Amino acid sequence: MSEEWKTRRERIAEIIEDNALSPSEIAKIMEISVRDVLEDLKHIANSQKYGKLVVMPARCKKCGYQFRAGIKFPKKCPKCHSTWIEEPKFKILKY
């Protein structure tokens, strides 16, 4: 399918098929807001169309605490209260 005819979600799925990327990285590539990326990732996760969405969880860069895998990312660490958080990364695995 031609690039111009793909939906935003199809383009995001295509981008994260090759590389594990954070929502901020996806937003920069797609030139859209992080909020829109997170919304689209929720739909991609629920869809069988694109493959399986794998989430590499967020973690605290200060103490190494690893958060639960999920679409949303935390604002601060519950263990050390640091706001130095590495965003989760997302990748699509084709069936």
PDB file of N, CA and C in Angstrom:
ATOM      1  N   MET A   1       0.845  -1.175   0.000  1.00  0.00           N
ATOM      2  CA  MET A   1       0.000   0.000   0.000  1.00  0.00           C
ATOM      3  C   MET A   1       0.891   1.239   0.000  1.00  0.00           C
ATOM      4  N   SER A   2       0.489   2.215  -0.748  1.00  0.00           N
ATOM      5  CA  SER A   2       1.223   3.473  -0.852  1.00  0.00           C
ATOM      6  C   SER A   2       1.287   4.166   0.506  1.00  0.00           C
ATOM      7  N   GLU A   3       2.418   4.804   0.785  1.00  0.00           N
ATOM      8  CA  GLU A   3       2.634   5.498   2.065  1.00  0.00           C
ATOM      9  C   GLU A   3       1.568   6.552   2.332  1.00  0.00           C
ATOM     10  N   GLU A   4       1.135   7.255   1.299  1.00  0.00           N
ATOM     11  CA  GLU A   4       0.153   8.321   1.489  1.00  0.00           C
ATOM     12  C   GLU A   4      -1.235   7.796   1.846  1.00  0.00           C
ATOM     13  N   TRP A   5      -1.507   6.516   1.579  1.00  0.00           N
ATOM     14  CA  TRP A   5      -2.821   5.953   1.855  1.00  0.00           C
ATOM     15  C   TRP A   5      -2.880   5.215   3.187  1.00  0.00           C
ATOM     16  N   LYS A   6      -1.786   5.109   3.885  1.00  0.00           N
ATOM     17  CA  LYS A   6      -1.768   4.405   5.169  1.00  0.00           C
ATOM     18  C   LYS A   6      -2.325   5.293   6.271  1.00  0.00           C
ATOM     19  N   THR A   7      -3.011   4.647   7.224  1.00  0.00           N
ATOM     20  CA  THR A   7      -3.508   5.403   8.375  1.00  0.00           C
ATOM     21  C   THR A   7      -2.341   5.692   9.313  1.00  0.00           C
ATOM     22  N   ARG A   8      -2.582   6.593  10.250  1.00  0.00           N
ATOM     23  CA  ARG A   8      -1.540   6.941  11.218  1.00  0.00           C
ATOM     24  C   ARG A   8      -1.134   5.703  12.021  1.00  0.00           C
ATOM     25  N   ARG A   9      -2.097   4.890  12.409  1.00  0.00           N
ATOM     26  CA  ARG A   9      -1.792   3.681  13.185  1.00  0.00           C
ATOM     27  C   ARG A   9      -0.993   2.673  12.367  1.00  0.00           C
ATOM     28  N   GLU A  10      -1.317   2.551  11.094  1.00  0.00           N
ATOM     29  CA  GLU A  10      -0.553   1.646  10.224  1.00  0.00           C
ATOM     30  C   GLU A  10       0.893   2.111  10.108  1.00  0.00           C
ATOM     31  N   ARG A  11       1.090   3.422  10.004  1.00  0.00           N
ATOM     32  CA  ARG A  11       2.458   3.948   9.911  1.00  0.00           C
ATOM     33  C   ARG A  11       3.226   3.743  11.217  1.00  0.00           C
ATOM     34  N   ILE A  12       2.560   3.933  12.364  1.00  0.00           N
ATOM     35  CA  ILE A  12       3.213   3.697  13.657  1.00  0.00           C
ATOM     36  C   ILE A  12       3.586   2.224  13.781  1.00  0.00           C
ATOM     37  N   ALA A  13       2.662   1.329  13.429  1.00  0.00           N
ATOM     38  CA  ALA A  13       2.931  -0.110  13.498  1.00  0.00           C
ATOM     39  C   ALA A  13       4.114  -0.484  12.610  1.00  0.00           C
ATOM     40  N   GLU A  14       4.194   0.113  11.446  1.00  0.00           N
ATOM     41  CA  GLU A  14       5.301  -0.152  10.527  1.00  0.00           C
ATOM     42  C   GLU A  14       6.637   0.325  11.111  1.00  0.00           C
ATOM     43  N   ILE A  15       6.625   1.483  11.747  1.00  0.00           N
ATOM     44  CA  ILE A  15       7.846   2.044  12.340  1.00  0.00           C
ATOM     45  C   ILE A  15       8.361   1.164  13.477  1.00  0.00           C
ATOM     46  N   ILE A  16       7.452   0.690  14.344  1.00  0.00           N
ATOM     47  CA  ILE A  16       7.903  -0.095  15.497  1.00  0.00           C
ATOM     48  C   ILE A  16       8.033  -1.587  15.190  1.00  0.00           C
ATOM     49  N   GLU A  17       7.796  -1.959  13.944  1.00  0.00           N
ATOM     50  CA  GLU A  17       8.041  -3.333  13.515  1.00  0.00           C
ATOM     51  C   GLU A  17       9.543  -3.605  13.477  1.00  0.00           C
ATOM     52  N   ASP A  18      10.307  -2.611  13.081  1.00  0.00           N
ATOM     53  CA  ASP A  18      11.746  -2.770  12.908  1.00  0.00           C
ATOM     54  C   ASP A  18      12.543  -2.462  14.171  1.00  0.00           C
ATOM     55  N   ASN A  19      12.103  -1.469  14.944  1.00  0.00           N
ATOM     56  CA  ASN A  19      12.862  -1.019  16.112  1.00  0.00           C
ATOM     57  C   ASN A  19      11.946  -0.826  17.305  1.00  0.00           C
ATOM     58  N   ALA A  20      12.476  -1.071  18.500  1.00  0.00           N
ATOM     59  CA  ALA A  20      11.746  -0.754  19.728  1.00  0.00           C
ATOM     60  C   ALA A  20      11.948   0.734  19.995  1.00  0.00           C
ATOM     61  N   LEU A  21      10.849   1.478  20.044  1.00  0.00           N
ATOM     62  CA  LEU A  21      10.923   2.927  20.221  1.00  0.00           C
ATOM     63  C   LEU A  21      10.019   3.389  21.353  1.00  0.00           C
ATOM     64  N   SER A  22      10.396   4.511  21.964  1.00  0.00           N
ATOM     65  CA  SER A  22       9.581   5.124  23.012  1.00  0.00           C
ATOM     66  C   SER A  22       8.505   5.996  22.364  1.00  0.00           C
ATOM     67  N   PRO A  23       7.455   6.338  23.106  1.00  0.00           N
ATOM     68  CA  PRO A  23       6.418   7.222  22.557  1.00  0.00           C
ATOM     69  C   PRO A  23       6.977   8.568  22.074  1.00  0.00           C
ATOM     70  N   SER A  24       7.950   9.115  22.778  1.00  0.00           N
ATOM     71  CA  SER A  24       8.551  10.391  22.360  1.00  0.00           C
ATOM     72  C   SER A  24       9.277  10.259  21.027  1.00  0.00           C
ATOM     73  N   GLU A  25       9.982   9.144  20.856  1.00  0.00           N
ATOM     74  CA  GLU A  25      10.697   8.914  19.595  1.00  0.00           C
ATOM     75  C   GLU A  25       9.710   8.741  18.438  1.00  0.00           C
ATOM     76  N   ILE A  26       8.634   8.010  18.685  1.00  0.00           N
ATOM     77  CA  ILE A  26       7.609   7.813  17.655  1.00  0.00           C
ATOM     78  C   ILE A  26       6.969   9.151  17.299  1.00  0.00           C
ATOM     79  N   ALA A  27       6.655   9.951  18.319  1.00  0.00           N
ATOM     80  CA  ALA A  27       6.031  11.263  18.101  1.00  0.00           C
ATOM     81  C   ALA A  27       6.925  12.169  17.261  1.00  0.00           C
ATOM     82  N   LYS A  28       8.219  12.119  17.516  1.00  0.00           N
ATOM     83  CA  LYS A  28       9.164  12.950  16.757  1.00  0.00           C
ATOM     84  C   LYS A  28       9.211  12.513  15.293  1.00  0.00           C
ATOM     85  N   ILE A  29       9.258  11.201  15.055  1.00  0.00           N
ATOM     86  CA  ILE A  29       9.298  10.672  13.688  1.00  0.00           C
ATOM     87  C   ILE A  29       8.010  11.011  12.940  1.00  0.00           C
ATOM     88  N   MET A  30       6.871  10.830  13.615  1.00  0.00           N
ATOM     89  CA  MET A  30       5.564  11.034  12.985  1.00  0.00           C
ATOM     90  C   MET A  30       5.118  12.492  12.976  1.00  0.00           C
ATOM     91  N   GLU A  31       5.801  13.327  13.753  1.00  0.00           N
ATOM     92  CA  GLU A  31       5.449  14.749  13.889  1.00  0.00           C
ATOM     93  C   GLU A  31       4.029  14.920  14.426  1.00  0.00           C
ATOM     94  N   ILE A  32       3.719  14.166  15.496  1.00  0.00           N
ATOM     95  CA  ILE A  32       2.440  14.264  16.199  1.00  0.00           C
ATOM     96  C   ILE A  32       2.733  14.329  17.698  1.00  0.00           C
ATOM     97  N   SER A  33       1.703  14.526  18.501  1.00  0.00           N
ATOM     98  CA  SER A  33       1.903  14.629  19.950  1.00  0.00           C
ATOM     99  C   SER A  33       2.089  13.243  20.579  1.00  0.00           C
ATOM    100  N   VAL A  34       2.771  13.225  21.720  1.00  0.00           N
ATOM    101  CA  VAL A  34       2.970  11.981  22.465  1.00  0.00           C
ATOM    102  C   VAL A  34       1.610  11.426  22.896  1.00  0.00           C
ATOM    103  N   ARG A  35       0.704  12.306  23.231  1.00  0.00           N
ATOM    104  CA  ARG A  35      -0.642  11.893  23.637  1.00  0.00           C
ATOM    105  C   ARG A  35      -1.338  11.098  22.522  1.00  0.00           C
ATOM    106  N   ASP A  36      -1.220  11.567  21.289  1.00  0.00           N
ATOM    107  CA  ASP A  36      -1.803  10.848  20.149  1.00  0.00           C
ATOM    108  C   ASP A  36      -1.129   9.491  19.953  1.00  0.00           C
ATOM    109  N   VAL A  37       0.183   9.453  20.142  1.00  0.00           N
ATOM    110  CA  VAL A  37       0.922   8.189  20.005  1.00  0.00           C
ATOM    111  C   VAL A  37       0.418   7.183  21.037  1.00  0.00           C
ATOM    112  N   LEU A  38       0.267   7.611  22.291  1.00  0.00           N
ATOM    113  CA  LEU A  38      -0.199   6.707  23.345  1.00  0.00           C
ATOM    114  C   LEU A  38      -1.602   6.180  23.046  1.00  0.00           C
ATOM    115  N   GLU A  39      -2.455   7.044  22.544  1.00  0.00           N
ATOM    116  CA  GLU A  39      -3.815   6.632  22.179  1.00  0.00           C
ATOM    117  C   GLU A  39      -3.773   5.588  21.060  1.00  0.00           C
ATOM    118  N   ASP A  40      -2.941   5.833  20.048  1.00  0.00           N
ATOM    119  CA  ASP A  40      -2.825   4.893  18.933  1.00  0.00           C
ATOM    120  C   ASP A  40      -2.211   3.570  19.381  1.00  0.00           C
ATOM    121  N   LEU A  41      -1.244   3.613  20.297  1.00  0.00           N
ATOM    122  CA  LEU A  41      -0.631   2.380  20.797  1.00  0.00           C
ATOM    123  C   LEU A  41      -1.653   1.518  21.537  1.00  0.00           C
ATOM    124  N   LYS A  42      -2.580   2.144  22.252  1.00  0.00           N
ATOM    125  CA  LYS A  42      -3.645   1.383  22.927  1.00  0.00           C
ATOM    126  C   LYS A  42      -4.485   0.629  21.904  1.00  0.00           C
ATOM    127  N   HIS A  43      -4.819   1.285  20.802  1.00  0.00           N
ATOM    128  CA  HIS A  43      -5.613   0.638  19.757  1.00  0.00           C
ATOM    129  C   HIS A  43      -4.812  -0.455  19.051  1.00  0.00           C
ATOM    130  N   ILE A  44      -3.546  -0.199  18.801  1.00  0.00           N
ATOM    131  CA  ILE A  44      -2.685  -1.198  18.160  1.00  0.00           C
ATOM    132  C   ILE A  44      -2.569  -2.434  19.047  1.00  0.00           C
ATOM    133  N   ALA A  45      -2.450  -2.236  20.362  1.00  0.00           N
ATOM    134  CA  ALA A  45      -2.339  -3.356  21.303  1.00  0.00           C
ATOM    135  C   ALA A  45      -3.591  -4.231  21.282  1.00  0.00           C
ATOM    136  N   ASN A  46      -4.756  -3.625  21.083  1.00  0.00           N
ATOM    137  CA  ASN A  46      -6.017  -4.375  21.076  1.00  0.00           C
ATOM    138  C   ASN A  46      -6.349  -4.988  19.722  1.00  0.00           C
ATOM    139  N   SER A  47      -5.635  -4.605  18.694  1.00  0.00           N
ATOM    140  CA  SER A  47      -5.918  -5.074  17.345  1.00  0.00           C
ATOM    141  C   SER A  47      -5.079  -6.301  17.000  1.00  0.00           C
ATOM    142  N   GLN A  48      -5.676  -7.240  16.315  1.00  0.00           N
ATOM    143  CA  GLN A  48      -4.957  -8.418  15.830  1.00  0.00           C
ATOM    144  C   GLN A  48      -4.317  -8.145  14.467  1.00  0.00           C
ATOM    145  N   LYS A  49      -4.676  -7.037  13.873  1.00  0.00           N
ATOM    146  CA  LYS A  49      -4.285  -6.693  12.509  1.00  0.00           C
ATOM    147  C   LYS A  49      -2.773  -6.490  12.336  1.00  0.00           C
ATOM    148  N   TYR A  50      -2.129  -5.898  13.327  1.00  0.00           N
ATOM    149  CA  TYR A  50      -0.734  -5.482  13.176  1.00  0.00           C
ATOM    150  C   TYR A  50       0.274  -6.498  13.700  1.00  0.00           C
ATOM    151  N   GLY A  51      -0.153  -7.401  14.551  1.00  0.00           N
ATOM    152  CA  GLY A  51       0.749  -8.327  15.212  1.00  0.00           C
ATOM    153  C   GLY A  51       0.677  -8.102  16.711  1.00  0.00           C
ATOM    154  N   LYS A  52       1.602  -8.679  17.452  1.00  0.00           N
ATOM    155  CA  LYS A  52       1.606  -8.545  18.910  1.00  0.00           C
ATOM    156  C   LYS A  52       2.455  -7.345  19.315  1.00  0.00           C
ATOM    157  N   LEU A  53       1.878  -6.469  20.130  1.00  0.00           N
ATOM    158  CA  LEU A  53       2.610  -5.313  20.639  1.00  0.00           C
ATOM    159  C   LEU A  53       3.356  -5.737  21.896  1.00  0.00           C
ATOM    160  N   VAL A  54       4.673  -5.641  21.852  1.00  0.00           N
ATOM    161  CA  VAL A  54       5.518  -5.988  22.989  1.00  0.00           C
ATOM    162  C   VAL A  54       5.948  -4.694  23.664  1.00  0.00           C
ATOM    163  N   VAL A  55       5.810  -4.657  24.996  1.00  0.00           N
ATOM    164  CA  VAL A  55       6.163  -3.465  25.764  1.00  0.00           C
ATOM    165  C   VAL A  55       7.372  -3.769  26.634  1.00  0.00           C
ATOM    166  N   MET A  56       8.451  -3.004  26.436  1.00  0.00           N
ATOM    167  CA  MET A  56       9.600  -3.065  27.327  1.00  0.00           C
ATOM    168  C   MET A  56       9.363  -1.992  28.383  1.00  0.00           C
ATOM    169  N   PRO A  57       9.141  -2.392  29.645  1.00  0.00           N
ATOM    170  CA  PRO A  57       8.657  -1.455  30.656  1.00  0.00           C
ATOM    171  C   PRO A  57       9.598  -0.289  30.960  1.00  0.00           C
ATOM    172  N   ALA A  58       8.976   0.772  31.492  1.00  0.00           N
ATOM    173  CA  ALA A  58       9.734   1.946  31.935  1.00  0.00           C
ATOM    174  C   ALA A  58      10.576   1.548  33.144  1.00  0.00           C
ATOM    175  N   ARG A  59      11.660   2.305  33.365  1.00  0.00           N
ATOM    176  CA  ARG A  59      12.468   2.043  34.553  1.00  0.00           C
ATOM    177  C   ARG A  59      13.074   3.343  35.055  1.00  0.00           C
ATOM    178  N   CYS A  60      13.377   3.346  36.343  1.00  0.00           N
ATOM    179  CA  CYS A  60      13.987   4.509  36.976  1.00  0.00           C
ATOM    180  C   CYS A  60      15.476   4.508  36.645  1.00  0.00           C
ATOM    181  N   LYS A  61      15.974   5.617  36.149  1.00  0.00           N
ATOM    182  CA  LYS A  61      17.389   5.712  35.798  1.00  0.00           C
ATOM    183  C   LYS A  61      18.264   5.909  37.032  1.00  0.00           C
ATOM    184  N   LYS A  62      17.658   6.301  38.146  1.00  0.00           N
ATOM    185  CA  LYS A  62      18.429   6.548  39.366  1.00  0.00           C
ATOM    186  C   LYS A  62      18.647   5.264  40.164  1.00  0.00           C
ATOM    187  N   CYS A  63      17.561   4.526  40.453  1.00  0.00           N
ATOM    188  CA  CYS A  63      17.696   3.336  41.306  1.00  0.00           C
ATOM    189  C   CYS A  63      17.503   2.022  40.548  1.00  0.00           C
ATOM    190  N   GLY A  64      17.055   2.085  39.281  1.00  0.00           N
ATOM    191  CA  GLY A  64      16.886   0.882  38.475  1.00  0.00           C
ATOM    192  C   GLY A  64      15.546   0.186  38.644  1.00  0.00           C
ATOM    193  N   TYR A  65      14.644   0.758  39.431  1.00  0.00           N
ATOM    194  CA  TYR A  65      13.320   0.162  39.628  1.00  0.00           C
ATOM    195  C   TYR A  65      12.627  -0.010  38.280  1.00  0.00           C
ATOM    196  N   GLN A  66      12.088  -1.211  38.046  1.00  0.00           N
ATOM    197  CA  GLN A  66      11.396  -1.484  36.788  1.00  0.00           C
ATOM    198  C   GLN A  66       9.888  -1.478  37.032  1.00  0.00           C
ATOM    199  N   PHE A  67       9.179  -0.680  36.263  1.00  0.00           N
ATOM    200  CA  PHE A  67       7.735  -0.551  36.385  1.00  0.00           C
ATOM    201  C   PHE A  67       7.050  -1.694  35.652  1.00  0.00           C
ATOM    202  N   ARG A  68       5.747  -1.864  35.910  1.00  0.00           N
ATOM    203  CA  ARG A  68       4.964  -2.848  35.167  1.00  0.00           C
ATOM    204  C   ARG A  68       4.860  -2.401  33.713  1.00  0.00           C
ATOM    205  N   ALA A  69       4.811  -3.371  32.829  1.00  0.00           N
ATOM    206  CA  ALA A  69       4.670  -3.055  31.405  1.00  0.00           C
ATOM    207  C   ALA A  69       3.274  -2.505  31.160  1.00  0.00           C
ATOM    208  N   GLY A  70       3.203  -1.403  30.449  1.00  0.00           N
ATOM    209  CA  GLY A  70       1.918  -0.804  30.126  1.00  0.00           C
ATOM    210  C   GLY A  70       2.091   0.322  29.130  1.00  0.00           C
ATOM    211  N   ILE A  71       0.987   0.791  28.581  1.00  0.00           N
ATOM    212  CA  ILE A  71       1.018   1.858  27.586  1.00  0.00           C
ATOM    213  C   ILE A  71       1.375   3.193  28.232  1.00  0.00           C
ATOM    214  N   LYS A  72       0.793   3.480  29.400  1.00  0.00           N
ATOM    215  CA  LYS A  72       1.092   4.744  30.076  1.00  0.00           C
ATOM    216  C   LYS A  72       2.473   4.662  30.724  1.00  0.00           C
ATOM    217  N   PHE A  73       3.124   5.808  30.866  1.00  0.00           N
ATOM    218  CA  PHE A  73       4.391   5.770  31.576  1.00  0.00           C
ATOM    219  C   PHE A  73       4.342   6.664  32.811  1.00  0.00           C
ATOM    220  N   PRO A  74       5.041   6.245  33.858  1.00  0.00           N
ATOM    221  CA  PRO A  74       4.967   6.921  35.154  1.00  0.00           C
ATOM    222  C   PRO A  74       5.691   8.266  35.176  1.00  0.00           C
ATOM    223  N   LYS A  75       5.313   9.081  36.139  1.00  0.00           N
ATOM    224  CA  LYS A  75       5.934  10.402  36.299  1.00  0.00           C
ATOM    225  C   LYS A  75       7.101  10.368  37.282  1.00  0.00           C
ATOM    226  N   LYS A  76       6.994   9.523  38.343  1.00  0.00           N
ATOM    227  CA  LYS A  76       8.111   9.421  39.277  1.00  0.00           C
ATOM    228  C   LYS A  76       8.179   8.026  39.883  1.00  0.00           C
ATOM    229  N   CYS A  77       9.342   7.693  40.387  1.00  0.00           N
ATOM    230  CA  CYS A  77       9.625   6.369  40.927  1.00  0.00           C
ATOM    231  C   CYS A  77       9.003   6.219  42.321  1.00  0.00           C
ATOM    232  N   PRO A  78       8.282   5.117  42.576  1.00  0.00           N
ATOM    233  CA  PRO A  78       7.704   4.914  43.902  1.00  0.00           C
ATOM    234  C   PRO A  78       8.750   4.520  44.947  1.00  0.00           C
ATOM    235  N   LYS A  79       9.908   4.059  44.480  1.00  0.00           N
ATOM    236  CA  LYS A  79      10.952   3.599  45.392  1.00  0.00           C
ATOM    237  C   LYS A  79      11.832   4.757  45.883  1.00  0.00           C
ATOM    238  N   CYS A  80      12.352   5.566  44.953  1.00  0.00           N
ATOM    239  CA  CYS A  80      13.281   6.642  45.335  1.00  0.00           C
ATOM    240  C   CYS A  80      12.712   8.036  45.072  1.00  0.00           C
ATOM    241  N   HIS A  81      11.525   8.111  44.480  1.00  0.00           N
ATOM    242  CA  HIS A  81      10.820   9.370  44.176  1.00  0.00           C
ATOM    243  C   HIS A  81      11.522  10.236  43.130  1.00  0.00           C
ATOM    244  N   SER A  82      12.419   9.652  42.384  1.00  0.00           N
ATOM    245  CA  SER A  82      13.103  10.375  41.312  1.00  0.00           C
ATOM    246  C   SER A  82      12.154  10.552  40.124  1.00  0.00           C
ATOM    247  N   THR A  83      12.332  11.625  39.393  1.00  0.00           N
ATOM    248  CA  THR A  83      11.554  11.842  38.165  1.00  0.00           C
ATOM    249  C   THR A  83      12.388  11.510  36.930  1.00  0.00           C
ATOM    250  N   TRP A  84      13.534  10.916  37.140  1.00  0.00           N
ATOM    251  CA  TRP A  84      14.442  10.548  36.060  1.00  0.00           C
ATOM    252  C   TRP A  84      14.036   9.162  35.550  1.00  0.00           C
ATOM    253  N   ILE A  85      12.993   9.119  34.738  1.00  0.00           N
ATOM    254  CA  ILE A  85      12.381   7.865  34.287  1.00  0.00           C
ATOM    255  C   ILE A  85      12.649   7.637  32.800  1.00  0.00           C
ATOM    256  N   GLU A  86      13.103   6.429  32.494  1.00  0.00           N
ATOM    257  CA  GLU A  86      13.272   6.034  31.089  1.00  0.00           C
ATOM    258  C   GLU A  86      11.917   5.550  30.584  1.00  0.00           C
ATOM    259  N   GLU A  87      11.464   6.091  29.472  1.00  0.00           N
ATOM    260  CA  GLU A  87      10.155   5.728  28.914  1.00  0.00           C
ATOM    261  C   GLU A  87      10.119   4.261  28.497  1.00  0.00           C
ATOM    262  N   PRO A  88       8.917   3.670  28.494  1.00  0.00           N
ATOM    263  CA  PRO A  88       8.807   2.310  27.963  1.00  0.00           C
ATOM    264  C   PRO A  88       9.064   2.333  26.455  1.00  0.00           C
ATOM    265  N   LYS A  89       9.434   1.196  25.925  1.00  0.00           N
ATOM    266  CA  LYS A  89       9.654   1.077  24.481  1.00  0.00           C
ATOM    267  C   LYS A  89       8.668   0.048  23.938  1.00  0.00           C
ATOM    268  N   PHE A  90       8.299   0.241  22.687  1.00  0.00           N
ATOM    269  CA  PHE A  90       7.281  -0.597  22.056  1.00  0.00           C
ATOM    270  C   PHE A  90       7.815  -1.188  20.763  1.00  0.00           C
ATOM    271  N   LYS A  91       7.410  -2.440  20.506  1.00  0.00           N
ATOM    272  CA  LYS A  91       7.813  -3.126  19.278  1.00  0.00           C
ATOM    273  C   LYS A  91       6.674  -4.047  18.859  1.00  0.00           C
ATOM    274  N   ILE A  92       6.523  -4.216  17.561  1.00  0.00           N
ATOM    275  CA  ILE A  92       5.509  -5.127  17.008  1.00  0.00           C
ATOM    276  C   ILE A  92       6.204  -6.420  16.586  1.00  0.00           C
ATOM    277  N   LEU A  93       5.650  -7.536  17.019  1.00  0.00           N
ATOM    278  CA  LEU A  93       6.108  -8.840  16.546  1.00  0.00           C
ATOM    279  C   LEU A  93       5.030  -9.389  15.628  1.00  0.00           C
ATOM    280  N   LYS A  94       5.396  -9.660  14.396  1.00  0.00           N
ATOM    281  CA  LYS A  94       4.439 -10.214  13.421  1.00  0.00           C
ATOM    282  C   LYS A  94       4.166 -11.672  13.751  1.00  0.00           C
ATOM    283  N   TYR A  95       2.951 -12.101  13.455  1.00  0.00           N
ATOM    284  CA  TYR A  95       2.560 -13.500  13.696  1.00  0.00           C
ATOM    285  C   TYR A  95       3.202 -14.402  12.689  1.00  0.00           C
TER     286      TYR A  95
END
